[in-house]
Amino acid sequence: MSQQNSGQMIQPNNALRLKVGGGRLGAIDPAAIAKAEAALKSLASNFTQWLNDEITKLEAARQNVRALGVSAETMENLYLRAHDLKGLGTTYGYQLITRIAGSLCRLIDDKEKRAAVSLDLVDAHIDAIKAAVRDDIKSDEHPVGRVLVEELERRVKAAA
């Protein structure tokens, strides 16, 4: 007895593919990508100054917390400064700063728990970011950077 498979394959319409260039890989211009990468590379000489500017803003936010006390406003400003560094660290060549700032963001992310956060642990994160730049420790592949960020992350997890 033989069985025949009389099923039919129906290919669904892929509307997303049509919206992003019809599925053609050529829709993204390689010359435009190369031009953008060259522009970013030409800005690299400014990265150190921009990174230092962001760290100065983070330090000012920390000083505000110390001077004015823990409040919704001072902690939100501190969070925003840390969040900026989380996003910019890797762009500026410091993956370690992205990771440390991410840990700081996790520590102070919950607005309801900010009033009870350990300011010593906040200080440890900010000091670690400053030390990473000072000592040119760019990634967690550096032995000191790895130990530092892993300890900070462990303490944030324990504080949660």
N, C-alpha and C. Protein backbone atom coordinates (compact mmCIF):
# COMPACT_ATOMS: atom_id res chain seq x y z
N MET A 1 0.84 -1.15 0.00
CA MET A 1 0.00 0.00 0.00
C MET A 1 0.90 1.23 0.00
N SER A 2 0.76 2.08 -0.94
CA SER A 2 1.59 3.29 -1.00
C SER A 2 0.78 4.48 -0.57
N GLN A 3 1.47 5.38 0.14
CA GLN A 3 0.79 6.58 0.59
C GLN A 3 1.29 7.75 -0.22
N GLN A 4 0.42 8.55 -0.63
CA GLN A 4 0.80 9.75 -1.36
C GLN A 4 0.62 10.95 -0.44
N ASN A 5 1.60 11.81 -0.49
CA ASN A 5 1.51 13.04 0.30
C ASN A 5 0.98 14.11 -0.64
N SER A 6 -0.20 14.50 -0.41
CA SER A 6 -0.82 15.49 -1.29
C SER A 6 -0.80 16.87 -0.66
N GLY A 7 0.11 17.07 0.33
CA GLY A 7 0.21 18.38 0.98
C GLY A 7 0.79 19.43 0.03
N GLN A 8 0.51 20.64 0.34
CA GLN A 8 0.99 21.74 -0.48
C GLN A 8 1.71 22.73 0.41
N MET A 9 2.87 23.20 -0.04
CA MET A 9 3.66 24.18 0.71
C MET A 9 3.16 25.57 0.36
N ILE A 10 2.82 26.35 1.37
CA ILE A 10 2.38 27.73 1.16
C ILE A 10 3.42 28.63 1.77
N GLN A 11 4.00 29.48 0.98
CA GLN A 11 5.03 30.41 1.45
C GLN A 11 4.33 31.70 1.88
N PRO A 12 4.41 32.04 3.19
CA PRO A 12 3.74 33.27 3.63
C PRO A 12 4.47 34.51 3.11
N ASN A 13 3.72 35.55 2.94
CA ASN A 13 4.28 36.83 2.50
C ASN A 13 5.16 37.39 3.61
N ASN A 14 6.36 37.83 3.30
CA ASN A 14 7.27 38.38 4.29
C ASN A 14 7.26 39.90 4.16
N ALA A 15 6.29 40.52 4.81
CA ALA A 15 6.13 41.98 4.71
C ALA A 15 7.32 42.73 5.31
N LEU A 16 7.92 42.17 6.35
CA LEU A 16 9.07 42.84 6.97
C LEU A 16 10.23 42.94 5.97
N ARG A 17 10.47 41.87 5.25
CA ARG A 17 11.55 41.87 4.26
C ARG A 17 11.33 42.99 3.23
N LEU A 18 10.10 43.18 2.83
CA LEU A 18 9.81 44.23 1.86
C LEU A 18 10.06 45.62 2.43
N LYS A 19 9.79 45.78 3.72
CA LYS A 19 9.97 47.08 4.36
C LYS A 19 11.43 47.45 4.57
N VAL A 20 12.30 46.46 4.65
CA VAL A 20 13.72 46.75 4.87
C VAL A 20 14.55 46.51 3.62
N GLY A 21 13.99 46.81 2.49
CA GLY A 21 14.77 46.76 1.26
C GLY A 21 14.48 45.57 0.38
N GLY A 22 13.39 44.90 0.63
CA GLY A 22 12.99 43.81 -0.25
C GLY A 22 13.87 42.58 -0.14
N GLY A 23 14.67 42.49 0.91
CA GLY A 23 15.50 41.33 1.08
C GLY A 23 16.79 41.39 0.27
N ARG A 24 17.00 42.48 -0.39
CA ARG A 24 18.22 42.63 -1.20
C ARG A 24 19.34 43.07 -0.27
N LEU A 25 20.42 42.32 -0.25
CA LEU A 25 21.56 42.70 0.57
C LEU A 25 22.20 43.98 0.04
N GLY A 26 22.00 44.26 -1.20
CA GLY A 26 22.58 45.46 -1.80
C GLY A 26 21.89 46.74 -1.36
N ALA A 27 20.81 46.65 -0.58
CA ALA A 27 20.09 47.83 -0.16
C ALA A 27 20.94 48.70 0.77
N ILE A 28 21.89 48.10 1.45
CA ILE A 28 22.80 48.86 2.32
C ILE A 28 24.05 49.16 1.51
N ASP A 29 24.34 50.41 1.36
CA ASP A 29 25.47 50.83 0.54
C ASP A 29 26.78 50.66 1.31
N PRO A 30 27.66 49.75 0.89
CA PRO A 30 28.93 49.55 1.59
C PRO A 30 29.80 50.81 1.62
N ALA A 31 29.68 51.65 0.61
CA ALA A 31 30.45 52.90 0.59
C ALA A 31 29.98 53.83 1.70
N ALA A 32 28.68 53.85 1.96
CA ALA A 32 28.14 54.69 3.03
C ALA A 32 28.63 54.19 4.39
N ILE A 33 28.69 52.89 4.56
CA ILE A 33 29.19 52.32 5.81
C ILE A 33 30.66 52.68 5.99
N ALA A 34 31.43 52.54 4.95
CA ALA A 34 32.86 52.88 5.02
C ALA A 34 33.06 54.35 5.34
N LYS A 35 32.23 55.20 4.77
CA LYS A 35 32.32 56.64 5.03
C LYS A 35 31.99 56.95 6.49
N ALA A 36 30.97 56.29 7.02
CA ALA A 36 30.58 56.49 8.42
C ALA A 36 31.69 56.00 9.37
N GLU A 37 32.29 54.86 9.04
CA GLU A 37 33.37 54.35 9.87
C GLU A 37 34.58 55.28 9.84
N ALA A 38 34.87 55.85 8.68
CA ALA A 38 35.99 56.80 8.56
C ALA A 38 35.71 58.06 9.38
N ALA A 39 34.47 58.52 9.34
CA ALA A 39 34.10 59.71 10.12
C ALA A 39 34.26 59.45 11.61
N LEU A 40 33.83 58.28 12.05
CA LEU A 40 33.97 57.93 13.46
C LEU A 40 35.44 57.83 13.85
N LYS A 41 36.24 57.26 12.98
CA LYS A 41 37.68 57.14 13.26
C LYS A 41 38.33 58.52 13.36
N SER A 42 37.89 59.46 12.53
CA SER A 42 38.47 60.80 12.58
C SER A 42 38.11 61.53 13.88
N LEU A 43 37.03 61.11 14.52
CA LEU A 43 36.62 61.72 15.79
C LEU A 43 37.31 61.08 16.99
N ALA A 44 37.97 59.96 16.78
CA ALA A 44 38.57 59.20 17.88
C ALA A 44 39.54 60.03 18.71
N SER A 45 40.19 60.99 18.12
CA SER A 45 41.13 61.81 18.87
C SER A 45 40.42 62.65 19.94
N ASN A 46 39.13 62.86 19.79
CA ASN A 46 38.35 63.62 20.76
C ASN A 46 37.78 62.76 21.87
N PHE A 47 37.84 61.43 21.73
CA PHE A 47 37.19 60.53 22.66
C PHE A 47 37.67 60.71 24.10
N THR A 48 38.97 60.88 24.28
CA THR A 48 39.50 61.01 25.64
C THR A 48 38.90 62.23 26.33
N GLN A 49 38.85 63.35 25.62
CA GLN A 49 38.28 64.55 26.23
C GLN A 49 36.79 64.38 26.50
N TRP A 50 36.07 63.80 25.56
CA TRP A 50 34.64 63.59 25.76
C TRP A 50 34.38 62.65 26.93
N LEU A 51 35.18 61.60 27.04
CA LEU A 51 35.03 60.66 28.15
C LEU A 51 35.30 61.38 29.47
N ASN A 52 36.35 62.18 29.51
CA ASN A 52 36.64 62.93 30.73
C ASN A 52 35.53 63.91 31.07
N ASP A 53 34.91 64.50 30.06
CA ASP A 53 33.77 65.39 30.30
C ASP A 53 32.61 64.62 30.94
N GLU A 54 32.36 63.42 30.47
CA GLU A 54 31.27 62.60 31.03
C GLU A 54 31.58 62.20 32.47
N ILE A 55 32.84 61.89 32.74
CA ILE A 55 33.24 61.51 34.10
C ILE A 55 33.13 62.72 35.03
N THR A 56 33.45 63.90 34.53
CA THR A 56 33.29 65.12 35.31
C THR A 56 31.82 65.33 35.68
N LYS A 57 30.92 65.06 34.76
CA LYS A 57 29.48 65.19 35.03
C LYS A 57 29.05 64.16 36.09
N LEU A 58 29.59 62.94 35.99
CA LEU A 58 29.27 61.91 36.97
C LEU A 58 29.78 62.32 38.35
N GLU A 59 30.99 62.84 38.40
CA GLU A 59 31.57 63.29 39.68
C GLU A 59 30.75 64.44 40.25
N ALA A 60 30.30 65.35 39.42
CA ALA A 60 29.47 66.47 39.89
C ALA A 60 28.15 65.94 40.46
N ALA A 61 27.59 64.93 39.83
CA ALA A 61 26.35 64.33 40.33
C ALA A 61 26.59 63.67 41.69
N ARG A 62 27.74 63.03 41.84
CA ARG A 62 28.07 62.43 43.14
C ARG A 62 28.21 63.52 44.20
N GLN A 63 28.88 64.61 43.87
CA GLN A 63 29.07 65.70 44.82
C GLN A 63 27.73 66.32 45.21
N ASN A 64 26.80 66.37 44.25
CA ASN A 64 25.44 66.86 44.55
C ASN A 64 24.75 65.98 45.57
N VAL A 65 24.89 64.67 45.42
CA VAL A 65 24.29 63.75 46.38
C VAL A 65 24.90 63.99 47.76
N ARG A 66 26.21 64.17 47.82
CA ARG A 66 26.87 64.41 49.10
C ARG A 66 26.43 65.74 49.72
N ALA A 67 26.35 66.79 48.89
CA ALA A 67 26.04 68.12 49.40
C ALA A 67 24.56 68.30 49.74
N LEU A 68 23.70 67.78 48.89
CA LEU A 68 22.26 68.00 49.05
C LEU A 68 21.54 66.81 49.68
N GLY A 69 22.22 65.68 49.76
CA GLY A 69 21.61 64.48 50.32
C GLY A 69 20.94 63.64 49.25
N VAL A 70 20.55 62.46 49.66
CA VAL A 70 19.86 61.54 48.77
C VAL A 70 18.42 62.02 48.60
N SER A 71 18.08 62.34 47.38
CA SER A 71 16.70 62.74 47.06
C SER A 71 16.36 62.16 45.69
N ALA A 72 15.11 62.25 45.34
CA ALA A 72 14.70 61.75 44.02
C ALA A 72 15.47 62.48 42.93
N GLU A 73 15.64 63.78 43.09
CA GLU A 73 16.31 64.59 42.06
C GLU A 73 17.81 64.29 41.97
N THR A 74 18.50 64.25 43.12
CA THR A 74 19.95 64.03 43.08
C THR A 74 20.29 62.62 42.59
N MET A 75 19.50 61.65 42.99
CA MET A 75 19.77 60.27 42.57
C MET A 75 19.40 60.05 41.10
N GLU A 76 18.37 60.74 40.63
CA GLU A 76 18.01 60.63 39.21
C GLU A 76 19.13 61.21 38.35
N ASN A 77 19.68 62.34 38.77
CA ASN A 77 20.79 62.93 38.03
C ASN A 77 21.99 61.99 38.02
N LEU A 78 22.29 61.38 39.15
CA LEU A 78 23.40 60.42 39.23
C LEU A 78 23.13 59.24 38.30
N TYR A 79 21.91 58.74 38.32
CA TYR A 79 21.54 57.62 37.45
C TYR A 79 21.72 57.99 35.97
N LEU A 80 21.26 59.17 35.59
CA LEU A 80 21.37 59.59 34.19
C LEU A 80 22.82 59.71 33.75
N ARG A 81 23.68 60.23 34.61
CA ARG A 81 25.11 60.34 34.29
C ARG A 81 25.73 58.95 34.12
N ALA A 82 25.38 58.03 35.02
CA ALA A 82 25.89 56.65 34.92
C ALA A 82 25.37 55.99 33.65
N HIS A 83 24.11 56.23 33.34
CA HIS A 83 23.50 55.63 32.15
C HIS A 83 24.18 56.14 30.88
N ASP A 84 24.52 57.42 30.85
CA ASP A 84 25.24 57.98 29.70
C ASP A 84 26.59 57.27 29.52
N LEU A 85 27.31 57.08 30.62
CA LEU A 85 28.60 56.40 30.52
C LEU A 85 28.45 54.94 30.12
N LYS A 86 27.38 54.33 30.56
CA LYS A 86 27.10 52.95 30.16
C LYS A 86 26.99 52.86 28.64
N GLY A 87 26.34 53.84 28.06
CA GLY A 87 26.18 53.84 26.61
C GLY A 87 27.40 54.30 25.84
N LEU A 88 28.21 55.17 26.44
CA LEU A 88 29.34 55.76 25.72
C LEU A 88 30.67 55.07 25.95
N GLY A 89 30.80 54.31 27.03
CA GLY A 89 32.08 53.71 27.35
C GLY A 89 32.69 52.93 26.20
N THR A 90 31.93 52.03 25.63
CA THR A 90 32.44 51.21 24.54
C THR A 90 32.72 52.06 23.31
N THR A 91 31.89 53.03 23.04
CA THR A 91 32.13 53.93 21.90
C THR A 91 33.48 54.61 22.04
N TYR A 92 33.82 54.97 23.26
CA TYR A 92 35.08 55.66 23.51
C TYR A 92 36.24 54.70 23.71
N GLY A 93 36.00 53.41 23.53
CA GLY A 93 37.07 52.42 23.61
C GLY A 93 37.26 51.81 24.98
N TYR A 94 36.35 52.05 25.90
CA TYR A 94 36.45 51.53 27.26
C TYR A 94 35.26 50.62 27.56
N GLN A 95 35.36 49.37 27.13
CA GLN A 95 34.29 48.41 27.41
C GLN A 95 34.13 48.22 28.92
N LEU A 96 35.23 48.34 29.66
CA LEU A 96 35.17 48.17 31.11
C LEU A 96 34.29 49.24 31.75
N ILE A 97 34.38 50.46 31.26
CA ILE A 97 33.54 51.54 31.80
C ILE A 97 32.07 51.26 31.52
N THR A 98 31.77 50.74 30.35
CA THR A 98 30.39 50.37 30.04
C THR A 98 29.89 49.35 31.06
N ARG A 99 30.71 48.38 31.37
CA ARG A 99 30.29 47.33 32.31
C ARG A 99 30.16 47.88 33.74
N ILE A 100 31.12 48.70 34.18
CA ILE A 100 31.04 49.26 35.53
C ILE A 100 29.84 50.20 35.65
N ALA A 101 29.65 51.05 34.66
CA ALA A 101 28.50 51.97 34.68
C ALA A 101 27.20 51.19 34.62
N GLY A 102 27.17 50.08 33.91
CA GLY A 102 25.98 49.23 33.88
C GLY A 102 25.68 48.66 35.25
N SER A 103 26.73 48.28 35.98
CA SER A 103 26.56 47.78 37.34
C SER A 103 26.02 48.89 38.25
N LEU A 104 26.56 50.09 38.10
CA LEU A 104 26.06 51.23 38.88
C LEU A 104 24.59 51.51 38.56
N CYS A 105 24.25 51.44 37.29
CA CYS A 105 22.84 51.64 36.90
C CYS A 105 21.94 50.60 37.55
N ARG A 106 22.36 49.34 37.57
CA ARG A 106 21.55 48.30 38.23
C ARG A 106 21.39 48.60 39.72
N LEU A 107 22.44 49.13 40.33
CA LEU A 107 22.40 49.44 41.76
C LEU A 107 21.36 50.51 42.07
N ILE A 108 21.26 51.53 41.22
CA ILE A 108 20.38 52.67 41.52
C ILE A 108 19.21 52.79 40.55
N ASP A 109 18.93 51.73 39.82
CA ASP A 109 17.85 51.75 38.83
C ASP A 109 16.47 51.87 39.46
N ASP A 110 16.24 51.19 40.54
CA ASP A 110 14.92 51.17 41.18
C ASP A 110 14.73 52.45 42.00
N LYS A 111 13.87 53.32 41.53
CA LYS A 111 13.65 54.62 42.19
C LYS A 111 13.16 54.46 43.62
N GLU A 112 12.45 53.38 43.89
CA GLU A 112 11.92 53.15 45.23
C GLU A 112 13.02 52.77 46.22
N LYS A 113 14.10 52.18 45.73
CA LYS A 113 15.17 51.69 46.62
C LYS A 113 16.37 52.63 46.68
N ARG A 114 16.36 53.70 45.91
CA ARG A 114 17.51 54.60 45.86
C ARG A 114 17.85 55.21 47.21
N ALA A 115 16.86 55.51 48.03
CA ALA A 115 17.11 56.16 49.32
C ALA A 115 17.91 55.26 50.25
N ALA A 116 17.82 53.95 50.05
CA ALA A 116 18.50 53.01 50.94
C ALA A 116 19.80 52.46 50.35
N VAL A 117 20.19 52.94 49.19
CA VAL A 117 21.37 52.40 48.52
C VAL A 117 22.64 52.76 49.30
N SER A 118 23.60 51.88 49.23
CA SER A 118 24.89 52.10 49.88
C SER A 118 25.68 53.14 49.08
N LEU A 119 25.87 54.32 49.67
CA LEU A 119 26.65 55.35 48.97
C LEU A 119 28.12 54.95 48.85
N ASP A 120 28.58 54.10 49.76
CA ASP A 120 29.95 53.58 49.64
C ASP A 120 30.09 52.74 48.36
N LEU A 121 29.06 51.97 48.04
CA LEU A 121 29.09 51.15 46.83
C LEU A 121 28.97 52.03 45.59
N VAL A 122 28.18 53.09 45.67
CA VAL A 122 28.10 54.07 44.58
C VAL A 122 29.49 54.68 44.36
N ASP A 123 30.12 55.10 45.45
CA ASP A 123 31.46 55.69 45.37
C ASP A 123 32.46 54.71 44.76
N ALA A 124 32.37 53.45 45.14
CA ALA A 124 33.29 52.44 44.61
C ALA A 124 33.17 52.34 43.09
N HIS A 125 31.95 52.41 42.58
CA HIS A 125 31.74 52.37 41.13
C HIS A 125 32.36 53.59 40.44
N ILE A 126 32.08 54.76 40.99
CA ILE A 126 32.59 55.98 40.37
C ILE A 126 34.11 56.02 40.44
N ASP A 127 34.66 55.62 41.56
CA ASP A 127 36.12 55.58 41.70
C ASP A 127 36.73 54.55 40.74
N ALA A 128 36.04 53.45 40.52
CA ALA A 128 36.53 52.43 39.59
C ALA A 128 36.54 52.96 38.15
N ILE A 129 35.51 53.71 37.79
CA ILE A 129 35.46 54.32 36.45
C ILE A 129 36.63 55.28 36.28
N LYS A 130 36.85 56.11 37.27
CA LYS A 130 37.95 57.07 37.20
C LYS A 130 39.31 56.37 37.15
N ALA A 131 39.46 55.30 37.91
CA ALA A 131 40.72 54.54 37.90
C ALA A 131 40.95 53.86 36.56
N ALA A 132 39.88 53.36 35.95
CA ALA A 132 40.03 52.70 34.65
C ALA A 132 40.59 53.68 33.61
N VAL A 133 40.10 54.91 33.61
CA VAL A 133 40.61 55.91 32.67
C VAL A 133 42.03 56.30 33.05
N ARG A 134 42.24 56.57 34.33
CA ARG A 134 43.57 56.99 34.79
C ARG A 134 44.65 55.97 34.42
N ASP A 135 44.32 54.68 34.62
CA ASP A 135 45.30 53.62 34.39
C ASP A 135 45.17 52.97 33.01
N ASP A 136 44.30 53.54 32.18
CA ASP A 136 44.10 53.06 30.81
C ASP A 136 43.71 51.57 30.76
N ILE A 137 42.80 51.19 31.63
CA ILE A 137 42.29 49.82 31.67
C ILE A 137 40.99 49.82 30.89
N LYS A 138 41.04 49.29 29.68
CA LYS A 138 39.91 49.43 28.77
C LYS A 138 38.93 48.27 28.77
N SER A 139 39.38 47.08 29.16
CA SER A 139 38.46 45.94 29.09
C SER A 139 38.61 45.05 30.31
N ASP A 140 37.65 44.14 30.45
CA ASP A 140 37.71 43.20 31.57
C ASP A 140 38.68 42.06 31.28
N GLU A 141 39.36 42.12 30.16
CA GLU A 141 40.43 41.15 29.89
C GLU A 141 41.68 41.51 30.69
N HIS A 142 41.78 42.76 31.11
CA HIS A 142 42.87 43.19 31.99
C HIS A 142 42.61 42.55 33.35
N PRO A 143 43.62 41.93 33.98
CA PRO A 143 43.37 41.21 35.24
C PRO A 143 42.81 42.10 36.36
N VAL A 144 43.30 43.31 36.48
CA VAL A 144 42.78 44.21 37.51
C VAL A 144 41.35 44.62 37.17
N GLY A 145 41.12 44.94 35.91
CA GLY A 145 39.77 45.33 35.48
C GLY A 145 38.76 44.23 35.73
N ARG A 146 39.16 42.99 35.44
CA ARG A 146 38.24 41.86 35.63
C ARG A 146 37.87 41.69 37.10
N VAL A 147 38.87 41.68 37.97
CA VAL A 147 38.61 41.51 39.40
C VAL A 147 37.73 42.64 39.92
N LEU A 148 38.05 43.85 39.50
CA LEU A 148 37.32 45.02 39.96
C LEU A 148 35.85 44.95 39.57
N VAL A 149 35.57 44.73 38.31
CA VAL A 149 34.17 44.74 37.86
C VAL A 149 33.41 43.54 38.41
N GLU A 150 34.06 42.40 38.51
CA GLU A 150 33.36 41.24 39.06
C GLU A 150 32.99 41.44 40.53
N GLU A 151 33.87 42.08 41.28
CA GLU A 151 33.57 42.36 42.69
C GLU A 151 32.43 43.37 42.82
N LEU A 152 32.47 44.41 42.00
CA LEU A 152 31.38 45.40 42.03
C LEU A 152 30.05 44.74 41.68
N GLU A 153 30.04 43.93 40.64
CA GLU A 153 28.80 43.24 40.24
C GLU A 153 28.32 42.28 41.32
N ARG A 154 29.25 41.61 41.99
CA ARG A 154 28.87 40.69 43.07
C ARG A 154 28.21 41.46 44.21
N ARG A 155 28.77 42.61 44.54
CA ARG A 155 28.19 43.40 45.64
C ARG A 155 26.84 44.00 45.28
N VAL A 156 26.67 44.40 44.03
CA VAL A 156 25.36 44.90 43.58
C VAL A 156 24.32 43.79 43.66
N LYS A 157 24.72 42.61 43.23
CA LYS A 157 23.79 41.47 43.28
C LYS A 157 23.41 41.16 44.73
N ALA A 158 24.38 41.21 45.63
CA ALA A 158 24.11 40.94 47.04
C ALA A 158 23.23 42.02 47.66
N ALA A 159 23.35 43.24 47.17
CA ALA A 159 22.55 44.35 47.71
C ALA A 159 21.10 44.31 47.23
N ALA A 160 20.85 43.57 46.17
CA ALA A 160 19.50 43.55 45.58
C ALA A 160 18.51 42.78 46.43
